[in-house]
PDB file of N, CA and C in Angstrom:
ATOM      1  N   MET A   1     125.974 128.906  51.016  1.00  0.00           N
ATOM      2  CA  MET A   1     126.184 128.249  49.746  1.00  0.00           C
ATOM      3  C   MET A   1     127.586 127.634  49.731  1.00  0.00           C
ATOM      4  N   ALA A   2     127.665 126.417  49.306  1.00  0.00           N
ATOM      5  CA  ALA A   2     128.931 125.703  49.258  1.00  0.00           C
ATOM      6  C   ALA A   2     129.753 126.149  48.056  1.00  0.00           C
ATOM      7  N   TYR A   3     131.054 126.017  48.167  1.00  0.00           N
ATOM      8  CA  TYR A   3     131.968 126.336  47.069  1.00  0.00           C
ATOM      9  C   TYR A   3     132.068 125.125  46.155  1.00  0.00           C
ATOM     10  N   ARG A   4     131.883 125.348  44.881  1.00  0.00           N
ATOM     11  CA  ARG A   4     132.015 124.272  43.900  1.00  0.00           C
ATOM     12  C   ARG A   4     133.230 124.523  43.030  1.00  0.00           C
ATOM     13  N   ILE A   5     134.030 123.516  42.874  1.00  0.00           N
ATOM     14  CA  ILE A   5     135.183 123.614  41.983  1.00  0.00           C
ATOM     15  C   ILE A   5     134.682 123.280  40.580  1.00  0.00           C
ATOM     16  N   ALA A   6     134.660 124.289  39.743  1.00  0.00           N
ATOM     17  CA  ALA A   6     134.150 124.112  38.385  1.00  0.00           C
ATOM     18  C   ALA A   6     135.286 123.741  37.442  1.00  0.00           C
ATOM     19  N   GLN A   7     134.973 122.904  36.489  1.00  0.00           N
ATOM     20  CA  GLN A   7     135.954 122.550  35.477  1.00  0.00           C
ATOM     21  C   GLN A   7     136.268 123.755  34.591  1.00  0.00           C
ATOM     22  N   GLU A   8     135.229 124.530  34.299  1.00  0.00           N
ATOM     23  CA  GLU A   8     135.424 125.706  33.472  1.00  0.00           C
ATOM     24  C   GLU A   8     134.529 126.820  33.994  1.00  0.00           C
ATOM     25  N   ARG A   9     135.127 127.971  34.187  1.00  0.00           N
ATOM     26  CA  ARG A   9     134.374 129.151  34.610  1.00  0.00           C
ATOM     27  C   ARG A   9     134.309 130.106  33.436  1.00  0.00           C
ATOM     28  N   ARG A  10     133.126 130.653  33.216  1.00  0.00           N
ATOM     29  CA  ARG A  10     132.923 131.554  32.092  1.00  0.00           C
ATOM     30  C   ARG A  10     132.486 132.924  32.587  1.00  0.00           C
ATOM     31  N   ILE A  11     132.976 133.944  31.914  1.00  0.00           N
ATOM     32  CA  ILE A  11     132.633 135.322  32.233  1.00  0.00           C
ATOM     33  C   ILE A  11     132.437 136.077  30.920  1.00  0.00           C
ATOM     34  N   THR A  12     131.690 137.151  30.982  1.00  0.00           N
ATOM     35  CA  THR A  12     131.451 137.958  29.784  1.00  0.00           C
ATOM     36  C   THR A  12     131.802 139.409  30.068  1.00  0.00           C
ATOM     37  N   ASN A  13     132.068 140.133  29.001  1.00  0.00           N
ATOM     38  CA  ASN A  13     132.303 141.567  29.122  1.00  0.00           C
ATOM     39  C   ASN A  13     132.192 142.181  27.738  1.00  0.00           C
ATOM     40  N   THR A  14     132.060 143.491  27.712  1.00  0.00           N
ATOM     41  CA  THR A  14     132.066 144.241  26.468  1.00  0.00           C
ATOM     42  C   THR A  14     133.479 144.734  26.214  1.00  0.00           C
ATOM     43  N   VAL A  15     133.951 144.544  25.005  1.00  0.00           N
ATOM     44  CA  VAL A  15     135.264 145.019  24.587  1.00  0.00           C
ATOM     45  C   VAL A  15     135.059 146.365  23.890  1.00  0.00           C
ATOM     46  N   THR A  16     135.830 147.363  24.297  1.00  0.00           N
ATOM     47  CA  THR A  16     135.783 148.670  23.651  1.00  0.00           C
ATOM     48  C   THR A  16     137.141 148.951  23.030  1.00  0.00           C
ATOM     49  N   THR A  17     137.136 149.194  21.722  1.00  0.00           N
ATOM     50  CA  THR A  17     138.381 149.452  21.012  1.00  0.00           C
ATOM     51  C   THR A  17     138.780 150.914  21.171  1.00  0.00           C
ATOM     52  N   VAL A  18     139.999 151.241  20.757  1.00  0.00           N
ATOM     53  CA  VAL A  18     140.494 152.612  20.914  1.00  0.00           C
ATOM     54  C   VAL A  18     139.681 153.613  20.108  1.00  0.00           C
ATOM     55  N   ASP A  19     139.022 153.135  19.044  1.00  0.00           N
ATOM     56  CA  ASP A  19     138.206 154.059  18.256  1.00  0.00           C
ATOM     57  C   ASP A  19     136.732 154.023  18.644  1.00  0.00           C
ATOM     58  N   GLY A  20     136.440 153.415  19.809  1.00  0.00           N
ATOM     59  CA  GLY A  20     135.091 153.456  20.366  1.00  0.00           C
ATOM     60  C   GLY A  20     134.135 152.386  19.883  1.00  0.00           C
ATOM     61  N   GLN A  21     134.592 151.464  19.049  1.00  0.00           N
ATOM     62  CA  GLN A  21     133.728 150.367  18.640  1.00  0.00           C
ATOM     63  C   GLN A  21     133.616 149.367  19.789  1.00  0.00           C
ATOM     64  N   THR A  22     132.496 148.673  19.852  1.00  0.00           N
ATOM     65  CA  THR A  22     132.307 147.693  20.924  1.00  0.00           C
ATOM     66  C   THR A  22     131.832 146.361  20.350  1.00  0.00           C
ATOM     67  N   PHE A  23     132.174 145.305  21.058  1.00  0.00           N
ATOM     68  CA  PHE A  23     131.662 143.975  20.752  1.00  0.00           C
ATOM     69  C   PHE A  23     131.715 143.153  22.026  1.00  0.00           C
ATOM     70  N   GLY A  24     130.940 142.104  22.055  1.00  0.00           N
ATOM     71  CA  GLY A  24     130.875 141.266  23.239  1.00  0.00           C
ATOM     72  C   GLY A  24     131.910 140.159  23.209  1.00  0.00           C
ATOM     73  N   ALA A  25     132.272 139.696  24.387  1.00  0.00           N
ATOM     74  CA  ALA A  25     133.212 138.584  24.499  1.00  0.00           C
ATOM     75  C   ALA A  25     132.780 137.641  25.610  1.00  0.00           C
ATOM     76  N   LEU A  26     132.817 136.373  25.305  1.00  0.00           N
ATOM     77  CA  LEU A  26     132.625 135.315  26.294  1.00  0.00           C
ATOM     78  C   LEU A  26     133.995 134.713  26.534  1.00  0.00           C
ATOM     79  N   PHE A  27     134.397 134.720  27.807  1.00  0.00           N
ATOM     80  CA  PHE A  27     135.738 134.270  28.171  1.00  0.00           C
ATOM     81  C   PHE A  27     135.697 133.016  29.032  1.00  0.00           C
ATOM     82  N   ARG A  28     136.755 132.252  28.940  1.00  0.00           N
ATOM     83  CA  ARG A  28     137.043 131.133  29.833  1.00  0.00           C
ATOM     84  C   ARG A  28     138.067 131.655  30.833  1.00  0.00           C
ATOM     85  N   MET A  29     137.772 131.554  32.113  1.00  0.00           N
ATOM     86  CA  MET A  29     138.738 131.990  33.119  1.00  0.00           C
ATOM     87  C   MET A  29     139.862 130.968  33.216  1.00  0.00           C
ATOM     88  N   LEU A  30     141.079 131.479  33.193  1.00  0.00           N
ATOM     89  CA  LEU A  30     142.249 130.615  33.334  1.00  0.00           C
ATOM     90  C   LEU A  30     142.790 130.696  34.756  1.00  0.00           C
ATOM     91  N   THR A  31     143.511 129.669  35.149  1.00  0.00           N
ATOM     92  CA  THR A  31     144.192 129.725  36.437  1.00  0.00           C
ATOM     93  C   THR A  31     145.348 130.716  36.313  1.00  0.00           C
ATOM     94  N   ASP A  32     145.816 131.210  37.433  1.00  0.00           N
ATOM     95  CA  ASP A  32     146.959 132.122  37.416  1.00  0.00           C
ATOM     96  C   ASP A  32     148.159 131.465  36.738  1.00  0.00           C
ATOM     97  N   GLU A  33     148.363 130.203  37.014  1.00  0.00           N
ATOM     98  CA  GLU A  33     149.498 129.478  36.429  1.00  0.00           C
ATOM     99  C   GLU A  33     149.400 129.435  34.897  1.00  0.00           C
ATOM    100  N   ASP A  34     148.222 129.091  34.387  1.00  0.00           N
ATOM    101  CA  ASP A  34     148.048 129.034  32.932  1.00  0.00           C
ATOM    102  C   ASP A  34     148.168 130.409  32.296  1.00  0.00           C
ATOM    103  N   LEU A  35     147.576 131.406  32.923  1.00  0.00           N
ATOM    104  CA  LEU A  35     147.632 132.757  32.375  1.00  0.00           C
ATOM    105  C   LEU A  35     149.064 133.281  32.331  1.00  0.00           C
ATOM    106  N   THR A  36     149.815 133.037  33.382  1.00  0.00           N
ATOM    107  CA  THR A  36     151.215 133.469  33.419  1.00  0.00           C
ATOM    108  C   THR A  36     152.035 132.762  32.348  1.00  0.00           C
ATOM    109  N   ARG A  37     151.813 131.476  32.189  1.00  0.00           N
ATOM    110  CA  ARG A  37     152.539 130.701  31.186  1.00  0.00           C
ATOM    111  C   ARG A  37     152.242 131.203  29.771  1.00  0.00           C
ATOM    112  N   LEU A  38     150.983 131.540  29.499  1.00  0.00           N
ATOM    113  CA  LEU A  38     150.586 131.940  28.153  1.00  0.00           C
ATOM    114  C   LEU A  38     150.798 133.419  27.852  1.00  0.00           C
ATOM    115  N   ALA A  39     150.944 134.217  28.892  1.00  0.00           N
ATOM    116  CA  ALA A  39     151.011 135.675  28.721  1.00  0.00           C
ATOM    117  C   ALA A  39     152.169 136.128  27.845  1.00  0.00           C
ATOM    118  N   ASN A  40     153.258 135.391  27.865  1.00  0.00           N
ATOM    119  CA  ASN A  40     154.432 135.798  27.094  1.00  0.00           C
ATOM    120  C   ASN A  40     154.581 135.069  25.765  1.00  0.00           C
ATOM    121  N   GLU A  41     153.647 134.213  25.452  1.00  0.00           N
ATOM    122  CA  GLU A  41     153.707 133.487  24.184  1.00  0.00           C
ATOM    123  C   GLU A  41     153.032 134.296  23.085  1.00  0.00           C
ATOM    124  N   ASP A  42     153.726 134.464  21.988  1.00  0.00           N
ATOM    125  CA  ASP A  42     153.169 135.126  20.802  1.00  0.00           C
ATOM    126  C   ASP A  42     152.627 136.519  21.141  1.00  0.00           C
ATOM    127  N   GLY A  43     153.398 137.257  21.926  1.00  0.00           N
ATOM    128  CA  GLY A  43     152.999 138.621  22.263  1.00  0.00           C
ATOM    129  C   GLY A  43     151.718 138.707  23.071  1.00  0.00           C
ATOM    130  N   GLY A  44     151.410 137.672  23.831  1.00  0.00           N
ATOM    131  CA  GLY A  44     150.193 137.652  24.637  1.00  0.00           C
ATOM    132  C   GLY A  44     148.992 137.080  23.900  1.00  0.00           C
ATOM    133  N   LYS A  45     149.142 136.838  22.605  1.00  0.00           N
ATOM    134  CA  LYS A  45     148.011 136.326  21.822  1.00  0.00           C
ATOM    135  C   LYS A  45     147.628 134.905  22.226  1.00  0.00           C
ATOM    136  N   ALA A  46     148.577 134.128  22.718  1.00  0.00           N
ATOM    137  CA  ALA A  46     148.255 132.764  23.160  1.00  0.00           C
ATOM    138  C   ALA A  46     147.263 132.800  24.319  1.00  0.00           C
ATOM    139  N   ALA A  47     147.427 133.765  25.212  1.00  0.00           N
ATOM    140  CA  ALA A  47     146.490 133.896  26.337  1.00  0.00           C
ATOM    141  C   ALA A  47     145.116 134.316  25.843  1.00  0.00           C
ATOM    142  N   ILE A  48     145.090 135.206  24.858  1.00  0.00           N
ATOM    143  CA  ILE A  48     143.800 135.625  24.300  1.00  0.00           C
ATOM    144  C   ILE A  48     143.097 134.436  23.655  1.00  0.00           C
ATOM    145  N   ARG A  49     143.841 133.674  22.866  1.00  0.00           N
ATOM    146  CA  ARG A  49     143.247 132.494  22.211  1.00  0.00           C
ATOM    147  C   ARG A  49     142.711 131.497  23.241  1.00  0.00           C
ATOM    148  N   ALA A  50     143.399 131.359  24.353  1.00  0.00           N
ATOM    149  CA  ALA A  50     142.972 130.404  25.385  1.00  0.00           C
ATOM    150  C   ALA A  50     141.760 130.897  26.164  1.00  0.00           C
ATOM    151  N   THR A  51     141.613 132.213  26.299  1.00  0.00           N
ATOM    152  CA  THR A  51     140.506 132.737  27.098  1.00  0.00           C
ATOM    153  C   THR A  51     139.243 132.995  26.296  1.00  0.00           C
ATOM    154  N   VAL A  52     139.373 133.406  25.046  1.00  0.00           N
ATOM    155  CA  VAL A  52     138.182 133.763  24.265  1.00  0.00           C
ATOM    156  C   VAL A  52     137.455 132.510  23.790  1.00  0.00           C
ATOM    157  N   ILE A  53     136.188 132.425  24.157  1.00  0.00           N
ATOM    158  CA  ILE A  53     135.314 131.354  23.682  1.00  0.00           C
ATOM    159  C   ILE A  53     134.530 131.839  22.472  1.00  0.00           C
ATOM    160  N   GLU A  54     134.068 133.089  22.560  1.00  0.00           N
ATOM    161  CA  GLU A  54     133.257 133.636  21.479  1.00  0.00           C
ATOM    162  C   GLU A  54     133.294 135.159  21.519  1.00  0.00           C
ATOM    163  N   LEU A  55     133.239 135.763  20.342  1.00  0.00           N
ATOM    164  CA  LEU A  55     133.050 137.204  20.208  1.00  0.00           C
ATOM    165  C   LEU A  55     131.699 137.411  19.540  1.00  0.00           C
ATOM    166  N   THR A  56     130.954 138.403  19.999  1.00  0.00           N
ATOM    167  CA  THR A  56     129.637 138.680  19.441  1.00  0.00           C
ATOM    168  C   THR A  56     129.580 140.113  18.926  1.00  0.00           C
ATOM    169  N   ASP A  57     128.560 140.383  18.141  1.00  0.00           N
ATOM    170  CA  ASP A  57     128.357 141.718  17.563  1.00  0.00           C
ATOM    171  C   ASP A  57     129.514 142.133  16.667  1.00  0.00           C
ATOM    172  N   ILE A  58     130.001 141.191  15.867  1.00  0.00           N
ATOM    173  CA  ILE A  58     131.058 141.453  14.899  1.00  0.00           C
ATOM    174  C   ILE A  58     130.401 141.569  13.518  1.00  0.00           C
ATOM    175  N   GLU A  59     130.822 142.572  12.772  1.00  0.00           N
ATOM    176  CA  GLU A  59     130.266 142.809  11.439  1.00  0.00           C
ATOM    177  C   GLU A  59     131.376 142.859  10.399  1.00  0.00           C
ATOM    178  N   ASN A  60     131.007 142.596   9.146  1.00  0.00           N
ATOM    179  CA  ASN A  60     131.972 142.743   8.062  1.00  0.00           C
ATOM    180  C   ASN A  60     132.029 144.217   7.646  1.00  0.00           C
ATOM    181  N   GLU A  61     132.797 144.522   6.613  1.00  0.00           N
ATOM    182  CA  GLU A  61     132.972 145.909   6.179  1.00  0.00           C
ATOM    183  C   GLU A  61     131.673 146.551   5.721  1.00  0.00           C
ATOM    184  N   ASP A  62     130.710 145.721   5.294  1.00  0.00           N
ATOM    185  CA  ASP A  62     129.419 146.234   4.835  1.00  0.00           C
ATOM    186  C   ASP A  62     128.406 146.375   5.959  1.00  0.00           C
ATOM    187  N   GLY A  63     128.827 146.073   7.190  1.00  0.00           N
ATOM    188  CA  GLY A  63     127.921 146.185   8.329  1.00  0.00           C
ATOM    189  C   GLY A  63     127.029 144.984   8.538  1.00  0.00           C
ATOM    190  N   GLN A  64     127.318 143.893   7.853  1.00  0.00           N
ATOM    191  CA  GLN A  64     126.527 142.676   8.001  1.00  0.00           C
ATOM    192  C   GLN A  64     127.110 141.809   9.115  1.00  0.00           C
ATOM    193  N   PRO A  65     126.253 141.284  10.001  1.00  0.00           N
ATOM    194  CA  PRO A  65     126.759 140.416  11.075  1.00  0.00           C
ATOM    195  C   PRO A  65     127.452 139.181  10.504  1.00  0.00           C
ATOM    196  N   ILE A  66     128.533 138.812  11.161  1.00  0.00           N
ATOM    197  CA  ILE A  66     129.227 137.588  10.767  1.00  0.00           C
ATOM    198  C   ILE A  66     129.395 136.696  11.995  1.00  0.00           C
ATOM    199  N   PRO A  67     129.248 135.394  11.809  1.00  0.00           N
ATOM    200  CA  PRO A  67     129.372 134.477  12.948  1.00  0.00           C
ATOM    201  C   PRO A  67     130.816 134.365  13.409  1.00  0.00           C
ATOM    202  N   TYR A  68     130.956 134.062  14.680  1.00  0.00           N
ATOM    203  CA  TYR A  68     132.290 133.914  15.251  1.00  0.00           C
ATOM    204  C   TYR A  68     132.950 132.627  14.758  1.00  0.00           C
ATOM    205  N   THR A  69     134.225 132.754  14.426  1.00  0.00           N
ATOM    206  CA  THR A  69     135.081 131.609  14.119  1.00  0.00           C
ATOM    207  C   THR A  69     136.471 131.956  14.656  1.00  0.00           C
ATOM    208  N   PRO A  70     137.343 130.981  14.802  1.00  0.00           N
ATOM    209  CA  PRO A  70     138.710 131.304  15.207  1.00  0.00           C
ATOM    210  C   PRO A  70     139.398 132.277  14.248  1.00  0.00           C
ATOM    211  N   LYS A  71     139.048 132.247  12.966  1.00  0.00           N
ATOM    212  CA  LYS A  71     139.632 133.195  12.011  1.00  0.00           C
ATOM    213  C   LYS A  71     139.228 134.634  12.345  1.00  0.00           C
ATOM    214  N   ILE A  72     138.025 134.808  12.848  1.00  0.00           N
ATOM    215  CA  ILE A  72     137.572 136.146  13.243  1.00  0.00           C
ATOM    216  C   ILE A  72     138.431 136.644  14.398  1.00  0.00           C
ATOM    217  N   LEU A  73     138.670 135.776  15.376  1.00  0.00           N
ATOM    218  CA  LEU A  73     139.531 136.171  16.495  1.00  0.00           C
ATOM    219  C   LEU A  73     140.909 136.573  15.991  1.00  0.00           C
ATOM    220  N   GLU A  74     141.472 135.807  15.083  1.00  0.00           N
ATOM    221  CA  GLU A  74     142.794 136.125  14.551  1.00  0.00           C
ATOM    222  C   GLU A  74     142.792 137.471  13.832  1.00  0.00           C
ATOM    223  N   ALA A  75     141.712 137.763  13.103  1.00  0.00           N
ATOM    224  CA  ALA A  75     141.615 139.051  12.410  1.00  0.00           C
ATOM    225  C   ALA A  75     141.559 140.197  13.412  1.00  0.00           C
ATOM    226  N   VAL A  76     140.818 140.014  14.492  1.00  0.00           N
ATOM    227  CA  VAL A  76     140.701 141.070  15.500  1.00  0.00           C
ATOM    228  C   VAL A  76     142.029 141.283  16.217  1.00  0.00           C
ATOM    229  N   ILE A  77     142.676 140.211  16.649  1.00  0.00           N
ATOM    230  CA  ILE A  77     143.908 140.378  17.428  1.00  0.00           C
ATOM    231  C   ILE A  77     145.128 140.676  16.559  1.00  0.00           C
ATOM    232  N   SER A  78     144.934 140.731  15.254  1.00  0.00           N
ATOM    233  CA  SER A  78     146.047 141.145  14.398  1.00  0.00           C
ATOM    234  C   SER A  78     146.350 142.632  14.589  1.00  0.00           C
ATOM    235  N   PHE A  79     145.403 143.369  15.143  1.00  0.00           N
ATOM    236  CA  PHE A  79     145.611 144.770  15.493  1.00  0.00           C
ATOM    237  C   PHE A  79     146.017 144.828  16.968  1.00  0.00           C
ATOM    238  N   PRO A  80     147.223 145.266  17.285  1.00  0.00           N
ATOM    239  CA  PRO A  80     147.684 145.269  18.672  1.00  0.00           C
ATOM    240  C   PRO A  80     146.743 145.993  19.642  1.00  0.00           C
ATOM    241  N   SER A  81     146.173 147.107  19.215  1.00  0.00           N
ATOM    242  CA  SER A  81     145.289 147.844  20.120  1.00  0.00           C
ATOM    243  C   SER A  81     144.021 147.048  20.422  1.00  0.00           C
ATOM    244  N   ASP A  82     143.545 146.266  19.461  1.00  0.00           N
ATOM    245  CA  ASP A  82     142.359 145.453  19.707  1.00  0.00           C
ATOM    246  C   ASP A  82     142.688 144.248  20.585  1.00  0.00           C
ATOM    247  N   ALA A  83     143.888 143.695  20.408  1.00  0.00           N
ATOM    248  CA  ALA A  83     144.316 142.605  21.290  1.00  0.00           C
ATOM    249  C   ALA A  83     144.390 143.102  22.732  1.00  0.00           C
ATOM    250  N   LEU A  84     144.928 144.300  22.920  1.00  0.00           N
ATOM    251  CA  LEU A  84     144.986 144.882  24.266  1.00  0.00           C
ATOM    252  C   LEU A  84     143.593 145.155  24.817  1.00  0.00           C
ATOM    253  N   ALA A  85     142.679 145.578  23.958  1.00  0.00           N
ATOM    254  CA  ALA A  85     141.303 145.831  24.406  1.00  0.00           C
ATOM    255  C   ALA A  85     140.651 144.540  24.902  1.00  0.00           C
ATOM    256  N   ILE A  86     140.913 143.418  24.226  1.00  0.00           N
ATOM    257  CA  ILE A  86     140.374 142.133  24.668  1.00  0.00           C
ATOM    258  C   ILE A  86     140.996 141.735  26.003  1.00  0.00           C
ATOM    259  N   GLN A  87     142.301 141.920  26.133  1.00  0.00           N
ATOM    260  CA  GLN A  87     142.961 141.603  27.410  1.00  0.00           C
ATOM    261  C   GLN A  87     142.387 142.451  28.541  1.00  0.00           C
ATOM    262  N   ARG A  88     142.163 143.740  28.270  1.00  0.00           N
ATOM    263  CA  ARG A  88     141.599 144.632  29.283  1.00  0.00           C
ATOM    264  C   ARG A  88     140.191 144.176  29.680  1.00  0.00           C
ATOM    265  N   ALA A  89     139.371 143.797  28.688  1.00  0.00           N
ATOM    266  CA  ALA A  89     138.015 143.331  28.978  1.00  0.00           C
ATOM    267  C   ALA A  89     138.044 142.052  29.808  1.00  0.00           C
ATOM    268  N   TYR A  90     138.976 141.157  29.510  1.00  0.00           N
ATOM    269  CA  TYR A  90     139.115 139.925  30.298  1.00  0.00           C
ATOM    270  C   TYR A  90     139.468 140.264  31.744  1.00  0.00           C
ATOM    271  N   ASN A  91     140.469 141.119  31.925  1.00  0.00           N
ATOM    272  CA  ASN A  91     140.881 141.486  33.283  1.00  0.00           C
ATOM    273  C   ASN A  91     139.754 142.157  34.053  1.00  0.00           C
ATOM    274  N   GLU A  92     138.998 143.034  33.403  1.00  0.00           N
ATOM    275  CA  GLU A  92     137.863 143.683  34.055  1.00  0.00           C
ATOM    276  C   GLU A  92     136.810 142.666  34.461  1.00  0.00           C
ATOM    277  N   ALA A  93     136.552 141.699  33.581  1.00  0.00           N
ATOM    278  CA  ALA A  93     135.552 140.674  33.880  1.00  0.00           C
ATOM    279  C   ALA A  93     135.978 139.803  35.054  1.00  0.00           C
ATOM    280  N   VAL A  94     137.247 139.456  35.103  1.00  0.00           N
ATOM    281  CA  VAL A  94     137.753 138.672  36.239  1.00  0.00           C
ATOM    282  C   VAL A  94     137.607 139.461  37.525  1.00  0.00           C
ATOM    283  N   PHE A  95     137.944 140.743  37.482  1.00  0.00           N
ATOM    284  CA  PHE A  95     137.822 141.589  38.673  1.00  0.00           C
ATOM    285  C   PHE A  95     136.370 141.674  39.125  1.00  0.00           C
ATOM    286  N   LYS A  96     135.449 141.897  38.182  1.00  0.00           N
ATOM    287  CA  LYS A  96     134.036 141.990  38.536  1.00  0.00           C
ATOM    288  C   LYS A  96     133.553 140.675  39.139  1.00  0.00           C
ATOM    289  N   ALA A  97     133.988 139.558  38.573  1.00  0.00           N
ATOM    290  CA  ALA A  97     133.581 138.253  39.108  1.00  0.00           C
ATOM    291  C   ALA A  97     134.121 138.072  40.531  1.00  0.00           C
ATOM    292  N   ALA A  98     135.335 138.516  40.755  1.00  0.00           N
ATOM    293  CA  ALA A  98     135.931 138.395  42.089  1.00  0.00           C
ATOM    294  C   ALA A  98     135.200 139.252  43.111  1.00  0.00           C
ATOM    295  N   MET A  99     134.651 140.375  42.634  1.00  0.00           N
ATOM    296  CA  MET A  99     133.933 141.276  43.535  1.00  0.00           C
ATOM    297  C   MET A  99     132.487 140.844  43.725  1.00  0.00           C
ATOM    298  N   GLY A 100     132.073 139.816  42.999  1.00  0.00           N
ATOM    299  CA  GLY A 100     130.720 139.280  43.168  1.00  0.00           C
ATOM    300  C   GLY A 100     129.667 139.989  42.357  1.00  0.00           C
ATOM    301  N   ASN A 101     130.067 140.704  41.315  1.00  0.00           N
ATOM    302  CA  ASN A 101     129.087 141.416  40.477  1.00  0.00           C
ATOM    303  C   ASN A 101     128.772 140.634  39.234  1.00  0.00           C
TER     304      ASN A 101
END
């Protein structure tokens, strides 16, 4: 199989928060250069904003599903532990993709 240079590579993973809640994430893979540049902007949130395409299985306080919007991402990453959970899920997904899984 030939190697194709893709304009955008997408990966998915489950995000697990410190209190055991889970939700899905669809990520855009960034180049090392872009990730390094964004990693230190806004406490790492710039990298999260650049990588997250969509979050799934998000509910409001009443347990009702809510559609993904950029405001939802901002609400989630306003909690430092949840921002770290998203970063961890991204890194795990990149590793799994590199290993061919």
